Amino acid sequence: MVLAFLLLYPLYRIGAFGAGDVKLFILIGSFQNAGEMMAVLAGAFVIGAGFSLLKLAVERNGRERLYYLVSYLQDIRRTGHWKIYGGNLNQDYHTYCKNKIHFAVPILFSTVCRIGGLF
C-alpha cells in the first residue's frame, strides 16, 4: 500500500491521476504483494496508453495534445516549478473532461488480466 502511494502521489500532485485512481492502486496493493502490484501498475499504464492512442485517433487532436505537452514541459523547465497538467483548461469544463480518460477502466482490465494469468 505504501509503495503504491509513494509512486502515485507525485502523479496525483501534478493532476495526471485523480485521487480515486491512487486509492484504487492502494487497495490493490493491500491485497497483492509489491511485485504483483507493480505488474498491475505497468499493465494499467500500457492499457491506458492504448486507450489514449485510440481516443487521440478518434478525436483527431493528437497534434494539439502533443503541442500542449511540449509547451507544458518547456514551462516547467523554464520556471523550475511543477504545475497542474491541464490546469488552464479548467475554465472550459467540456474541454477539460474531453482531454482526459477515466483511468479506473485500464486499472480494472490490468487487474483482471493479472489475476487471470495473462501477464
PDB file of N, CA and C in Angstrom:
ATOM      1  N   MET A   1       0.824  -1.191   0.000  1.00  0.00           N
ATOM      2  CA  MET A   1       0.000   0.000   0.000  1.00  0.00           C
ATOM      3  C   MET A   1       0.869   1.255   0.000  1.00  0.00           C
ATOM      4  N   VAL A   2       1.908   1.235   0.799  1.00  0.00           N
ATOM      5  CA  VAL A   2       2.785   2.399   0.892  1.00  0.00           C
ATOM      6  C   VAL A   2       3.512   2.626  -0.433  1.00  0.00           C
ATOM      7  N   LEU A   3       3.935   1.541  -1.074  1.00  0.00           N
ATOM      8  CA  LEU A   3       4.618   1.652  -2.363  1.00  0.00           C
ATOM      9  C   LEU A   3       3.711   2.315  -3.403  1.00  0.00           C
ATOM     10  N   ALA A   4       2.453   1.901  -3.462  1.00  0.00           N
ATOM     11  CA  ALA A   4       1.511   2.495  -4.411  1.00  0.00           C
ATOM     12  C   ALA A   4       1.342   3.987  -4.137  1.00  0.00           C
ATOM     13  N   PHE A   5       1.226   4.342  -2.875  1.00  0.00           N
ATOM     14  CA  PHE A   5       1.062   5.751  -2.529  1.00  0.00           C
ATOM     15  C   PHE A   5       2.301   6.551  -2.913  1.00  0.00           C
ATOM     16  N   LEU A   6       3.479   6.046  -2.572  1.00  0.00           N
ATOM     17  CA  LEU A   6       4.712   6.781  -2.871  1.00  0.00           C
ATOM     18  C   LEU A   6       4.944   6.938  -4.373  1.00  0.00           C
ATOM     19  N   LEU A   7       4.585   5.932  -5.152  1.00  0.00           N
ATOM     20  CA  LEU A   7       4.782   6.009  -6.596  1.00  0.00           C
ATOM     21  C   LEU A   7       3.777   6.932  -7.280  1.00  0.00           C
ATOM     22  N   LEU A   8       2.563   6.948  -6.786  1.00  0.00           N
ATOM     23  CA  LEU A   8       1.499   7.653  -7.491  1.00  0.00           C
ATOM     24  C   LEU A   8       1.193   9.046  -6.961  1.00  0.00           C
ATOM     25  N   TYR A   9       1.646   9.353  -5.760  1.00  0.00           N
ATOM     26  CA  TYR A   9       1.363  10.674  -5.197  1.00  0.00           C
ATOM     27  C   TYR A   9       1.919  11.815  -6.059  1.00  0.00           C
ATOM     28  N   PRO A  10       3.150  11.711  -6.576  1.00  0.00           N
ATOM     29  CA  PRO A  10       3.626  12.797  -7.455  1.00  0.00           C
ATOM     30  C   PRO A  10       2.753  12.980  -8.695  1.00  0.00           C
ATOM     31  N   LEU A  11       2.240  11.882  -9.258  1.00  0.00           N
ATOM     32  CA  LEU A  11       1.352  11.981 -10.416  1.00  0.00           C
ATOM     33  C   LEU A  11       0.020  12.621 -10.036  1.00  0.00           C
ATOM     34  N   TYR A  12      -0.426  12.358  -8.825  1.00  0.00           N
ATOM     35  CA  TYR A  12      -1.645  12.998  -8.333  1.00  0.00           C
ATOM     36  C   TYR A  12      -1.419  14.504  -8.164  1.00  0.00           C
ATOM     37  N   ARG A  13      -0.266  14.874  -7.627  1.00  0.00           N
ATOM     38  CA  ARG A  13       0.025  16.286  -7.357  1.00  0.00           C
ATOM     39  C   ARG A  13       0.055  17.138  -8.624  1.00  0.00           C
ATOM     40  N   ILE A  14       0.474  16.566  -9.759  1.00  0.00           N
ATOM     41  CA  ILE A  14       0.505  17.352 -10.992  1.00  0.00           C
ATOM     42  C   ILE A  14      -0.779  17.191 -11.805  1.00  0.00           C
ATOM     43  N   GLY A  15      -1.728  16.414 -11.292  1.00  0.00           N
ATOM     44  CA  GLY A  15      -3.018  16.290 -11.958  1.00  0.00           C
ATOM     45  C   GLY A  15      -3.099  15.180 -12.993  1.00  0.00           C
ATOM     46  N   ALA A  16      -2.057  14.348 -13.086  1.00  0.00           N
ATOM     47  CA  ALA A  16      -2.081  13.257 -14.057  1.00  0.00           C
ATOM     48  C   ALA A  16      -3.009  12.132 -13.604  1.00  0.00           C
ATOM     49  N   PHE A  17      -3.132  11.950 -12.312  1.00  0.00           N
ATOM     50  CA  PHE A  17      -4.020  10.940 -11.729  1.00  0.00           C
ATOM     51  C   PHE A  17      -5.009  11.635 -10.818  1.00  0.00           C
ATOM     52  N   GLY A  18      -6.186  11.050 -10.712  1.00  0.00           N
ATOM     53  CA  GLY A  18      -7.156  11.522  -9.739  1.00  0.00           C
ATOM     54  C   GLY A  18      -6.964  10.787  -8.420  1.00  0.00           C
ATOM     55  N   ALA A  19      -7.586  11.307  -7.388  1.00  0.00           N
ATOM     56  CA  ALA A  19      -7.472  10.682  -6.073  1.00  0.00           C
ATOM     57  C   ALA A  19      -8.054   9.276  -6.084  1.00  0.00           C
ATOM     58  N   GLY A  20      -9.103   9.062  -6.865  1.00  0.00           N
ATOM     59  CA  GLY A  20      -9.705   7.729  -6.944  1.00  0.00           C
ATOM     60  C   GLY A  20      -8.771   6.706  -7.558  1.00  0.00           C
ATOM     61  N   ASP A  21      -7.980   7.124  -8.556  1.00  0.00           N
ATOM     62  CA  ASP A  21      -7.018   6.213  -9.168  1.00  0.00           C
ATOM     63  C   ASP A  21      -5.948   5.795  -8.161  1.00  0.00           C
ATOM     64  N   VAL A  22      -5.470   6.753  -7.388  1.00  0.00           N
ATOM     65  CA  VAL A  22      -4.465   6.444  -6.365  1.00  0.00           C
ATOM     66  C   VAL A  22      -5.063   5.493  -5.327  1.00  0.00           C
ATOM     67  N   LYS A  23      -6.299   5.756  -4.917  1.00  0.00           N
ATOM     68  CA  LYS A  23      -6.955   4.885  -3.929  1.00  0.00           C
ATOM     69  C   LYS A  23      -7.158   3.480  -4.470  1.00  0.00           C
ATOM     70  N   LEU A  24      -7.473   3.350  -5.758  1.00  0.00           N
ATOM     71  CA  LEU A  24      -7.623   2.018  -6.347  1.00  0.00           C
ATOM     72  C   LEU A  24      -6.312   1.235  -6.272  1.00  0.00           C
ATOM     73  N   PHE A  25      -5.204   1.893  -6.602  1.00  0.00           N
ATOM     74  CA  PHE A  25      -3.914   1.197  -6.528  1.00  0.00           C
ATOM     75  C   PHE A  25      -3.522   0.874  -5.096  1.00  0.00           C
ATOM     76  N   ILE A  26      -3.860   1.745  -4.154  1.00  0.00           N
ATOM     77  CA  ILE A  26      -3.595   1.436  -2.746  1.00  0.00           C
ATOM     78  C   ILE A  26      -4.411   0.215  -2.331  1.00  0.00           C
ATOM     79  N   LEU A  27      -5.647   0.133  -2.768  1.00  0.00           N
ATOM     80  CA  LEU A  27      -6.497  -1.024  -2.468  1.00  0.00           C
ATOM     81  C   LEU A  27      -5.913  -2.290  -3.083  1.00  0.00           C
ATOM     82  N   ILE A  28      -5.477  -2.207  -4.341  1.00  0.00           N
ATOM     83  CA  ILE A  28      -4.863  -3.363  -4.999  1.00  0.00           C
ATOM     84  C   ILE A  28      -3.604  -3.781  -4.251  1.00  0.00           C
ATOM     85  N   GLY A  29      -2.816  -2.794  -3.822  1.00  0.00           N
ATOM     86  CA  GLY A  29      -1.602  -3.088  -3.071  1.00  0.00           C
ATOM     87  C   GLY A  29      -1.861  -3.734  -1.726  1.00  0.00           C
ATOM     88  N   SER A  30      -3.054  -3.545  -1.183  1.00  0.00           N
ATOM     89  CA  SER A  30      -3.358  -4.168   0.107  1.00  0.00           C
ATOM     90  C   SER A  30      -3.707  -5.653  -0.043  1.00  0.00           C
ATOM     91  N   PHE A  31      -4.053  -6.082  -1.265  1.00  0.00           N
ATOM     92  CA  PHE A  31      -4.404  -7.475  -1.492  1.00  0.00           C
ATOM     93  C   PHE A  31      -3.340  -8.260  -2.247  1.00  0.00           C
ATOM     94  N   GLN A  32      -2.382  -7.563  -2.845  1.00  0.00           N
ATOM     95  CA  GLN A  32      -1.343  -8.241  -3.612  1.00  0.00           C
ATOM     96  C   GLN A  32       0.021  -7.813  -3.086  1.00  0.00           C
ATOM     97  N   ASN A  33       1.025  -8.642  -3.356  1.00  0.00           N
ATOM     98  CA  ASN A  33       2.368  -8.256  -2.924  1.00  0.00           C
ATOM     99  C   ASN A  33       2.910  -7.162  -3.857  1.00  0.00           C
ATOM    100  N   ALA A  34       4.066  -6.630  -3.511  1.00  0.00           N
ATOM    101  CA  ALA A  34       4.621  -5.490  -4.249  1.00  0.00           C
ATOM    102  C   ALA A  34       4.880  -5.830  -5.715  1.00  0.00           C
ATOM    103  N   GLY A  35       5.384  -7.018  -5.996  1.00  0.00           N
ATOM    104  CA  GLY A  35       5.661  -7.407  -7.376  1.00  0.00           C
ATOM    105  C   GLY A  35       4.404  -7.490  -8.221  1.00  0.00           C
ATOM    106  N   GLU A  36       3.353  -8.072  -7.668  1.00  0.00           N
ATOM    107  CA  GLU A  36       2.092  -8.168  -8.399  1.00  0.00           C
ATOM    108  C   GLU A  36       1.466  -6.791  -8.605  1.00  0.00           C
ATOM    109  N   MET A  37       1.572  -5.933  -7.589  1.00  0.00           N
ATOM    110  CA  MET A  37       1.032  -4.590  -7.713  1.00  0.00           C
ATOM    111  C   MET A  37       1.785  -3.813  -8.793  1.00  0.00           C
ATOM    112  N   MET A  38       3.098  -3.998  -8.871  1.00  0.00           N
ATOM    113  CA  MET A  38       3.884  -3.327  -9.907  1.00  0.00           C
ATOM    114  C   MET A  38       3.501  -3.847 -11.302  1.00  0.00           C
ATOM    115  N   ALA A  39       3.199  -5.141 -11.396  1.00  0.00           N
ATOM    116  CA  ALA A  39       2.761  -5.699 -12.678  1.00  0.00           C
ATOM    117  C   ALA A  39       1.412  -5.117 -13.081  1.00  0.00           C
ATOM    118  N   VAL A  40       0.504  -4.967 -12.128  1.00  0.00           N
ATOM    119  CA  VAL A  40      -0.801  -4.355 -12.408  1.00  0.00           C
ATOM    120  C   VAL A  40      -0.609  -2.896 -12.811  1.00  0.00           C
ATOM    121  N   LEU A  41       0.281  -2.195 -12.138  1.00  0.00           N
ATOM    122  CA  LEU A  41       0.558  -0.798 -12.464  1.00  0.00           C
ATOM    123  C   LEU A  41       1.113  -0.670 -13.881  1.00  0.00           C
ATOM    124  N   ALA A  42       2.084  -1.498 -14.216  1.00  0.00           N
ATOM    125  CA  ALA A  42       2.663  -1.463 -15.569  1.00  0.00           C
ATOM    126  C   ALA A  42       1.613  -1.814 -16.615  1.00  0.00           C
ATOM    127  N   GLY A  43       0.819  -2.835 -16.342  1.00  0.00           N
ATOM    128  CA  GLY A  43      -0.241  -3.217 -17.268  1.00  0.00           C
ATOM    129  C   GLY A  43      -1.267  -2.116 -17.447  1.00  0.00           C
ATOM    130  N   ALA A  44      -1.609  -1.430 -16.355  1.00  0.00           N
ATOM    131  CA  ALA A  44      -2.585  -0.336 -16.442  1.00  0.00           C
ATOM    132  C   ALA A  44      -2.039   0.807 -17.290  1.00  0.00           C
ATOM    133  N   PHE A  45      -0.743   1.084 -17.162  1.00  0.00           N
ATOM    134  CA  PHE A  45      -0.147   2.140 -17.990  1.00  0.00           C
ATOM    135  C   PHE A  45      -0.162   1.755 -19.465  1.00  0.00           C
ATOM    136  N   VAL A  46       0.126   0.494 -19.772  1.00  0.00           N
ATOM    137  CA  VAL A  46       0.112   0.044 -21.176  1.00  0.00           C
ATOM    138  C   VAL A  46      -1.315   0.083 -21.736  1.00  0.00           C
ATOM    139  N   ILE A  47      -2.259  -0.430 -20.983  1.00  0.00           N
ATOM    140  CA  ILE A  47      -3.656  -0.425 -21.432  1.00  0.00           C
ATOM    141  C   ILE A  47      -4.167   1.013 -21.538  1.00  0.00           C
ATOM    142  N   GLY A  48      -3.821   1.850 -20.567  1.00  0.00           N
ATOM    143  CA  GLY A  48      -4.221   3.257 -20.617  1.00  0.00           C
ATOM    144  C   GLY A  48      -3.622   3.978 -21.815  1.00  0.00           C
ATOM    145  N   ALA A  49      -2.377   3.646 -22.156  1.00  0.00           N
ATOM    146  CA  ALA A  49      -1.751   4.236 -23.344  1.00  0.00           C
ATOM    147  C   ALA A  49      -2.508   3.824 -24.599  1.00  0.00           C
ATOM    148  N   GLY A  50      -2.925   2.568 -24.646  1.00  0.00           N
ATOM    149  CA  GLY A  50      -3.720   2.111 -25.785  1.00  0.00           C
ATOM    150  C   GLY A  50      -5.042   2.855 -25.879  1.00  0.00           C
ATOM    151  N   PHE A  51      -5.721   3.041 -24.748  1.00  0.00           N
ATOM    152  CA  PHE A  51      -6.969   3.800 -24.732  1.00  0.00           C
ATOM    153  C   PHE A  51      -6.731   5.239 -25.184  1.00  0.00           C
ATOM    154  N   SER A  52      -5.633   5.828 -24.710  1.00  0.00           N
ATOM    155  CA  SER A  52      -5.331   7.208 -25.073  1.00  0.00           C
ATOM    156  C   SER A  52      -5.043   7.349 -26.563  1.00  0.00           C
ATOM    157  N   LEU A  53      -4.281   6.418 -27.110  1.00  0.00           N
ATOM    158  CA  LEU A  53      -3.996   6.463 -28.542  1.00  0.00           C
ATOM    159  C   LEU A  53      -5.279   6.304 -29.364  1.00  0.00           C
ATOM    160  N   LEU A  54      -6.151   5.417 -28.917  1.00  0.00           N
ATOM    161  CA  LEU A  54      -7.437   5.243 -29.594  1.00  0.00           C
ATOM    162  C   LEU A  54      -8.260   6.534 -29.526  1.00  0.00           C
ATOM    163  N   LYS A  55      -8.279   7.154 -28.362  1.00  0.00           N
ATOM    164  CA  LYS A  55      -9.025   8.401 -28.201  1.00  0.00           C
ATOM    165  C   LYS A  55      -8.435   9.509 -29.072  1.00  0.00           C
ATOM    166  N   LEU A  56      -7.105   9.588 -29.138  1.00  0.00           N
ATOM    167  CA  LEU A  56      -6.462  10.585 -29.999  1.00  0.00           C
ATOM    168  C   LEU A  56      -6.801  10.348 -31.469  1.00  0.00           C
ATOM    169  N   ALA A  57      -6.841   9.084 -31.873  1.00  0.00           N
ATOM    170  CA  ALA A  57      -7.166   8.767 -33.269  1.00  0.00           C
ATOM    171  C   ALA A  57      -8.618   9.108 -33.592  1.00  0.00           C
ATOM    172  N   VAL A  58      -9.520   8.815 -32.676  1.00  0.00           N
ATOM    173  CA  VAL A  58     -10.943   9.090 -32.911  1.00  0.00           C
ATOM    174  C   VAL A  58     -11.210  10.596 -32.936  1.00  0.00           C
ATOM    175  N   GLU A  59     -10.612  11.327 -31.993  1.00  0.00           N
ATOM    176  CA  GLU A  59     -10.867  12.766 -31.901  1.00  0.00           C
ATOM    177  C   GLU A  59      -9.966  13.592 -32.814  1.00  0.00           C
ATOM    178  N   ARG A  60      -8.947  12.965 -33.374  1.00  0.00           N
ATOM    179  CA  ARG A  60      -8.025  13.623 -34.310  1.00  0.00           C
ATOM    180  C   ARG A  60      -7.431  14.905 -33.742  1.00  0.00           C
ATOM    181  N   ASN A  61      -7.007  14.843 -32.473  1.00  0.00           N
ATOM    182  CA  ASN A  61      -6.387  16.011 -31.856  1.00  0.00           C
ATOM    183  C   ASN A  61      -4.993  15.691 -31.309  1.00  0.00           C
ATOM    184  N   GLY A  62      -4.334  14.725 -31.906  1.00  0.00           N
ATOM    185  CA  GLY A  62      -3.009  14.316 -31.442  1.00  0.00           C
ATOM    186  C   GLY A  62      -1.986  15.425 -31.538  1.00  0.00           C
ATOM    187  N   ARG A  63      -1.992  16.167 -32.628  1.00  0.00           N
ATOM    188  CA  ARG A  63      -1.021  17.255 -32.797  1.00  0.00           C
ATOM    189  C   ARG A  63      -1.237  18.336 -31.737  1.00  0.00           C
ATOM    190  N   GLU A  64      -2.497  18.662 -31.480  1.00  0.00           N
ATOM    191  CA  GLU A  64      -2.825  19.672 -30.466  1.00  0.00           C
ATOM    192  C   GLU A  64      -2.367  19.221 -29.081  1.00  0.00           C
ATOM    193  N   ARG A  65      -2.618  17.948 -28.738  1.00  0.00           N
ATOM    194  CA  ARG A  65      -2.236  17.434 -27.418  1.00  0.00           C
ATOM    195  C   ARG A  65      -0.716  17.346 -27.274  1.00  0.00           C
ATOM    196  N   LEU A  66      -0.023  16.957 -28.343  1.00  0.00           N
ATOM    197  CA  LEU A  66       1.442  16.895 -28.307  1.00  0.00           C
ATOM    198  C   LEU A  66       2.021  18.299 -28.138  1.00  0.00           C
ATOM    199  N   TYR A  67       1.459  19.280 -28.820  1.00  0.00           N
ATOM    200  CA  TYR A  67       1.904  20.664 -28.685  1.00  0.00           C
ATOM    201  C   TYR A  67       1.719  21.129 -27.241  1.00  0.00           C
ATOM    202  N   TYR A  68       0.577  20.793 -26.628  1.00  0.00           N
ATOM    203  CA  TYR A  68       0.327  21.187 -25.241  1.00  0.00           C
ATOM    204  C   TYR A  68       1.336  20.529 -24.304  1.00  0.00           C
ATOM    205  N   LEU A  69       1.632  19.247 -24.510  1.00  0.00           N
ATOM    206  CA  LEU A  69       2.602  18.543 -23.669  1.00  0.00           C
ATOM    207  C   LEU A  69       3.983  19.184 -23.767  1.00  0.00           C
ATOM    208  N   VAL A  70       4.420  19.475 -24.984  1.00  0.00           N
ATOM    209  CA  VAL A  70       5.736  20.094 -25.172  1.00  0.00           C
ATOM    210  C   VAL A  70       5.784  21.463 -24.505  1.00  0.00           C
ATOM    211  N   SER A  71       4.735  22.272 -24.657  1.00  0.00           N
ATOM    212  CA  SER A  71       4.728  23.596 -24.024  1.00  0.00           C
ATOM    213  C   SER A  71       4.682  23.466 -22.503  1.00  0.00           C
ATOM    214  N   TYR A  72       3.982  22.461 -21.989  1.00  0.00           N
ATOM    215  CA  TYR A  72       3.935  22.202 -20.543  1.00  0.00           C
ATOM    216  C   TYR A  72       5.332  21.871 -20.022  1.00  0.00           C
ATOM    217  N   LEU A  73       6.036  20.969 -20.702  1.00  0.00           N
ATOM    218  CA  LEU A  73       7.385  20.581 -20.274  1.00  0.00           C
ATOM    219  C   LEU A  73       8.358  21.748 -20.391  1.00  0.00           C
ATOM    220  N   GLN A  74       8.241  22.563 -21.429  1.00  0.00           N
ATOM    221  CA  GLN A  74       9.102  23.741 -21.574  1.00  0.00           C
ATOM    222  C   GLN A  74       8.850  24.748 -20.461  1.00  0.00           C
ATOM    223  N   ASP A  75       7.589  24.907 -20.074  1.00  0.00           N
ATOM    224  CA  ASP A  75       7.252  25.826 -18.993  1.00  0.00           C
ATOM    225  C   ASP A  75       7.843  25.353 -17.673  1.00  0.00           C
ATOM    226  N   ILE A  76       7.800  24.050 -17.424  1.00  0.00           N
ATOM    227  CA  ILE A  76       8.389  23.508 -16.199  1.00  0.00           C
ATOM    228  C   ILE A  76       9.898  23.725 -16.209  1.00  0.00           C
ATOM    229  N   ARG A  77      10.535  23.474 -17.336  1.00  0.00           N
ATOM    230  CA  ARG A  77      11.982  23.662 -17.434  1.00  0.00           C
ATOM    231  C   ARG A  77      12.348  25.136 -17.263  1.00  0.00           C
ATOM    232  N   ARG A  78      11.555  26.021 -17.834  1.00  0.00           N
ATOM    233  CA  ARG A  78      11.834  27.446 -17.758  1.00  0.00           C
ATOM    234  C   ARG A  78      11.663  27.982 -16.339  1.00  0.00           C
ATOM    235  N   THR A  79      10.561  27.600 -15.674  1.00  0.00           N
ATOM    236  CA  THR A  79      10.265  28.136 -14.340  1.00  0.00           C
ATOM    237  C   THR A  79      10.894  27.324 -13.221  1.00  0.00           C
ATOM    238  N   GLY A  80      11.133  26.035 -13.470  1.00  0.00           N
ATOM    239  CA  GLY A  80      11.675  25.176 -12.423  1.00  0.00           C
ATOM    240  C   GLY A  80      10.637  24.715 -11.419  1.00  0.00           C
ATOM    241  N   HIS A  81       9.355  24.971 -11.699  1.00  0.00           N
ATOM    242  CA  HIS A  81       8.278  24.585 -10.786  1.00  0.00           C
ATOM    243  C   HIS A  81       7.265  23.718 -11.511  1.00  0.00           C
ATOM    244  N   TRP A  82       6.810  22.669 -10.819  1.00  0.00           N
ATOM    245  CA  TRP A  82       5.746  21.824 -11.355  1.00  0.00           C
ATOM    246  C   TRP A  82       4.426  22.548 -11.222  1.00  0.00           C
ATOM    247  N   LYS A  83       3.545  22.302 -12.157  1.00  0.00           N
ATOM    248  CA  LYS A  83       2.197  22.859 -12.087  1.00  0.00           C
ATOM    249  C   LYS A  83       1.223  21.767 -12.498  1.00  0.00           C
ATOM    250  N   ILE A  84      -0.040  22.021 -12.286  1.00  0.00           N
ATOM    251  CA  ILE A  84      -1.082  21.050 -12.638  1.00  0.00           C
ATOM    252  C   ILE A  84      -1.159  20.923 -14.151  1.00  0.00           C
ATOM    253  N   TYR A  85      -1.051  19.694 -14.656  1.00  0.00           N
ATOM    254  CA  TYR A  85      -1.161  19.457 -16.093  1.00  0.00           C
ATOM    255  C   TYR A  85      -2.606  19.675 -16.507  1.00  0.00           C
ATOM    256  N   GLY A  86      -2.823  20.546 -17.467  1.00  0.00           N
ATOM    257  CA  GLY A  86      -4.180  20.856 -17.912  1.00  0.00           C
ATOM    258  C   GLY A  86      -4.871  21.857 -17.024  1.00  0.00           C
ATOM    259  N   GLY A  87      -4.131  22.503 -16.133  1.00  0.00           N
ATOM    260  CA  GLY A  87      -4.722  23.446 -15.194  1.00  0.00           C
ATOM    261  C   GLY A  87      -5.405  24.617 -15.855  1.00  0.00           C
ATOM    262  N   ASN A  88      -4.884  25.067 -16.988  1.00  0.00           N
ATOM    263  CA  ASN A  88      -5.505  26.204 -17.671  1.00  0.00           C
ATOM    264  C   ASN A  88      -6.745  25.782 -18.454  1.00  0.00           C
ATOM    265  N   LEU A  89      -7.025  24.485 -18.518  1.00  0.00           N
ATOM    266  CA  LEU A  89      -8.232  24.019 -19.192  1.00  0.00           C
ATOM    267  C   LEU A  89      -9.439  23.997 -18.257  1.00  0.00           C
ATOM    268  N   ASN A  90      -9.224  24.290 -16.972  1.00  0.00           N
ATOM    269  CA  ASN A  90     -10.321  24.248 -16.005  1.00  0.00           C
ATOM    270  C   ASN A  90     -11.415  25.254 -16.306  1.00  0.00           C
ATOM    271  N   GLN A  91     -11.101  26.327 -17.025  1.00  0.00           N
ATOM    272  CA  GLN A  91     -12.126  27.306 -17.314  1.00  0.00           C
ATOM    273  C   GLN A  91     -13.228  26.706 -18.197  1.00  0.00           C
ATOM    274  N   ASP A  92     -12.866  25.843 -19.101  1.00  0.00           N
ATOM    275  CA  ASP A  92     -13.829  25.225 -20.008  1.00  0.00           C
ATOM    276  C   ASP A  92     -13.973  23.752 -19.612  1.00  0.00           C
ATOM    277  N   TYR A  93     -14.990  23.449 -18.824  1.00  0.00           N
ATOM    278  CA  TYR A  93     -15.155  22.103 -18.267  1.00  0.00           C
ATOM    279  C   TYR A  93     -15.292  21.054 -19.358  1.00  0.00           C
ATOM    280  N   HIS A  94     -15.999  21.372 -20.438  1.00  0.00           N
ATOM    281  CA  HIS A  94     -16.187  20.405 -21.524  1.00  0.00           C
ATOM    282  C   HIS A  94     -14.853  20.030 -22.153  1.00  0.00           C
ATOM    283  N   THR A  95     -14.010  21.016 -22.421  1.00  0.00           N
ATOM    284  CA  THR A  95     -12.691  20.750 -22.998  1.00  0.00           C
ATOM    285  C   THR A  95     -11.820  20.001 -22.003  1.00  0.00           C
ATOM    286  N   TYR A  96     -11.906  20.375 -20.724  1.00  0.00           N
ATOM    287  CA  TYR A  96     -11.105  19.736 -19.674  1.00  0.00           C
ATOM    288  C   TYR A  96     -11.425  18.246 -19.597  1.00  0.00           C
ATOM    289  N   CYS A  97     -12.691  17.884 -19.575  1.00  0.00           N
ATOM    290  CA  CYS A  97     -13.087  16.475 -19.488  1.00  0.00           C
ATOM    291  C   CYS A  97     -12.823  15.732 -20.795  1.00  0.00           C
ATOM    292  N   LYS A  98     -12.923  16.419 -21.904  1.00  0.00           N
ATOM    293  CA  LYS A  98     -12.707  15.789 -23.201  1.00  0.00           C
ATOM    294  C   LYS A  98     -11.271  15.297 -23.354  1.00  0.00           C
ATOM    295  N   ASN A  99     -10.325  15.977 -22.702  1.00  0.00           N
ATOM    296  CA  ASN A  99      -8.917  15.644 -22.848  1.00  0.00           C
ATOM    297  C   ASN A  99      -8.411  14.681 -21.781  1.00  0.00           C
ATOM    298  N   LYS A 100      -9.289  14.001 -21.101  1.00  0.00           N
ATOM    299  CA  LYS A 100      -8.907  13.036 -20.066  1.00  0.00           C
ATOM    300  C   LYS A 100      -9.528  11.677 -20.373  1.00  0.00           C
ATOM    301  N   ILE A 101      -8.887  10.630 -19.853  1.00  0.00           N
ATOM    302  CA  ILE A 101      -9.513   9.310 -19.890  1.00  0.00           C
ATOM    303  C   ILE A 101      -9.781   8.902 -18.445  1.00  0.00           C
ATOM    304  N   HIS A 102     -10.747   8.062 -18.250  1.00  0.00           N
ATOM    305  CA  HIS A 102     -11.034   7.537 -16.915  1.00  0.00           C
ATOM    306  C   HIS A 102     -10.114   6.345 -16.693  1.00  0.00           C
ATOM    307  N   PHE A 103      -9.112   6.516 -15.844  1.00  0.00           N
ATOM    308  CA  PHE A 103      -8.065   5.518 -15.684  1.00  0.00           C
ATOM    309  C   PHE A 103      -8.522   4.306 -14.881  1.00  0.00           C
ATOM    310  N   ALA A 104      -9.685   4.368 -14.258  1.00  0.00           N
ATOM    311  CA  ALA A 104     -10.186   3.223 -13.497  1.00  0.00           C
ATOM    312  C   ALA A 104     -10.421   2.020 -14.408  1.00  0.00           C
ATOM    313  N   VAL A 105     -10.805   2.265 -15.666  1.00  0.00           N
ATOM    314  CA  VAL A 105     -11.057   1.154 -16.599  1.00  0.00           C
ATOM    315  C   VAL A 105      -9.760   0.418 -16.944  1.00  0.00           C
ATOM    316  N   PRO A 106      -8.663   1.107 -17.315  1.00  0.00           N
ATOM    317  CA  PRO A 106      -7.404   0.381 -17.522  1.00  0.00           C
ATOM    318  C   PRO A 106      -6.911  -0.326 -16.251  1.00  0.00           C
ATOM    319  N   ILE A 107      -7.154   0.267 -15.085  1.00  0.00           N
ATOM    320  CA  ILE A 107      -6.765  -0.395 -13.832  1.00  0.00           C
ATOM    321  C   ILE A 107      -7.548  -1.693 -13.673  1.00  0.00           C
ATOM    322  N   LEU A 108      -8.845  -1.645 -13.943  1.00  0.00           N
ATOM    323  CA  LEU A 108      -9.681  -2.843 -13.860  1.00  0.00           C
ATOM    324  C   LEU A 108      -9.198  -3.916 -14.832  1.00  0.00           C
ATOM    325  N   PHE A 109      -8.996  -3.544 -16.096  1.00  0.00           N
ATOM    326  CA  PHE A 109      -8.548  -4.517 -17.100  1.00  0.00           C
ATOM    327  C   PHE A 109      -7.201  -5.121 -16.718  1.00  0.00           C
ATOM    328  N   SER A 110      -6.287  -4.292 -16.241  1.00  0.00           N
ATOM    329  CA  SER A 110      -4.972  -4.780 -15.853  1.00  0.00           C
ATOM    330  C   SER A 110      -5.063  -5.744 -14.671  1.00  0.00           C
ATOM    331  N   THR A 111      -5.886  -5.414 -13.696  1.00  0.00           N
ATOM    332  CA  THR A 111      -6.051  -6.283 -12.526  1.00  0.00           C
ATOM    333  C   THR A 111      -6.654  -7.624 -12.928  1.00  0.00           C
ATOM    334  N   VAL A 112      -7.670  -7.587 -13.769  1.00  0.00           N
ATOM    335  CA  VAL A 112      -8.306  -8.824 -14.232  1.00  0.00           C
ATOM    336  C   VAL A 112      -7.315  -9.671 -15.028  1.00  0.00           C
ATOM    337  N   CYS A 113      -6.536  -9.020 -15.886  1.00  0.00           N
ATOM    338  CA  CYS A 113      -5.526  -9.762 -16.665  1.00  0.00           C
ATOM    339  C   CYS A 113      -4.473 -10.377 -15.764  1.00  0.00           C
ATOM    340  N   ARG A 114      -4.052  -9.664 -14.741  1.00  0.00           N
ATOM    341  CA  ARG A 114      -3.033 -10.185 -13.816  1.00  0.00           C
ATOM    342  C   ARG A 114      -3.590 -11.348 -12.995  1.00  0.00           C
ATOM    343  N   ILE A 115      -4.774 -11.196 -12.475  1.00  0.00           N
ATOM    344  CA  ILE A 115      -5.384 -12.275 -11.690  1.00  0.00           C
ATOM    345  C   ILE A 115      -5.660 -13.480 -12.581  1.00  0.00           C
ATOM    346  N   GLY A 116      -6.065 -13.217 -13.833  1.00  0.00           N
ATOM    347  CA  GLY A 116      -6.352 -14.297 -14.783  1.00  0.00           C
ATOM    348  C   GLY A 116      -5.112 -14.947 -15.366  1.00  0.00           C
ATOM    349  N   GLY A 117      -3.940 -14.394 -15.084  1.00  0.00           N
ATOM    350  CA  GLY A 117      -2.694 -15.009 -15.543  1.00  0.00           C
ATOM    351  C   GLY A 117      -2.289 -14.644 -16.963  1.00  0.00           C
ATOM    352  N   LEU A 118      -2.854 -13.574 -17.531  1.00  0.00           N
ATOM    353  CA  LEU A 118      -2.490 -13.184 -18.890  1.00  0.00           C
ATOM    354  C   LEU A 118      -1.121 -12.514 -18.959  1.00  0.00           C
ATOM    355  N   PHE A 119      -0.657 -11.944 -17.852  1.00  0.00           N
ATOM    356  CA  PHE A 119       0.717 -11.420 -17.789  1.00  0.00           C
ATOM    357  C   PHE A 119       1.220 -11.475 -16.377  1.00  0.00           C
TER     358      PHE A 119
END
